[in-house]
């Protein structure tokens, strides 16, 4: 179809030019298909009243055919495609986000809702579609996590899960897949690799960064603490960092999840004697009590997915 908008603006033989435009419109298969898709019956009156809209739609719609993505978009309003709306005696032209734009917005929303602290990109891209369901020993915890992801409404407290098991059985990946599903539903999630967070917080002692990071982690809607029990255990880490986070979240009833190579009882023993050789079983028990108040403990078994 020619650049019809150029033809209609010419003064010479305007009547014949308009007739030519109408003929071109009625022969434009793409335009006719779109009219049919939008359930628009193109009467003579609508055709006469909507020439400019139909011309513009045809020219801009052609730009969207076989478009590979937003980077190649040539629309004046990038990421938006033209659509037609029936309006009694004429046809309205509107613009709506294309599939590429919708995907981009969804990805941005996901990034805004999922706060990562020292987690690798591969883990953050975890998807429920890639989870191995062939191992029956994993089906129960997978079901529990996905049920939480679908039902948590952001306000009513639900217990999280303390997931433990051998190295490489997929604990972190399962939690990441859950986190992505929550983020898609506009639930704010923080996914924290605990050992690296502890190192960062130590370097931030005495600065505003320490208070800011602690506040964000304490108050986030859903918190995932990955690999708890593998960090260096000191009185400060146990009491001022982990204890403080868990106490806040327990009192505010904020869902919290953990992954670990240790059971809760093993974790309590781990925290009872710190690396600075301070023994305090009572404070270690308090950590265990808070974890039990926040979560249900589940052991994950299966093959090593890292080899």
Foldseek 3Di string as FASTA:
>chain_A
DDLLVVQCPDDPPNVVSLVVLLVVLVVPPVLVVQCVVQPHDCDPQQCVVESVQSSVLVVQQVQVVPDPAQVSRPDPPGQWHWHWDDDPRYIDIDIDGDPRRVVVVLVVLLPVQEAEAPDDPVLLPQAPVPDDPPDVLCVVVLVVLQVCLPPPPLQDFDFAEEEAADPQLCPSSSNSNSSSSNSSVVAHEYEHAPQVVVVVLVVQPPHVVNVVVQVCQLPGQEYEYEAPPPHQADCCCLCVRLVVSLVSCLVSRHAYYYYHNDFLVRQLVSNQAGPVGDGDSVSSVSSSVSSVSRHHYDYGDDDRPVD
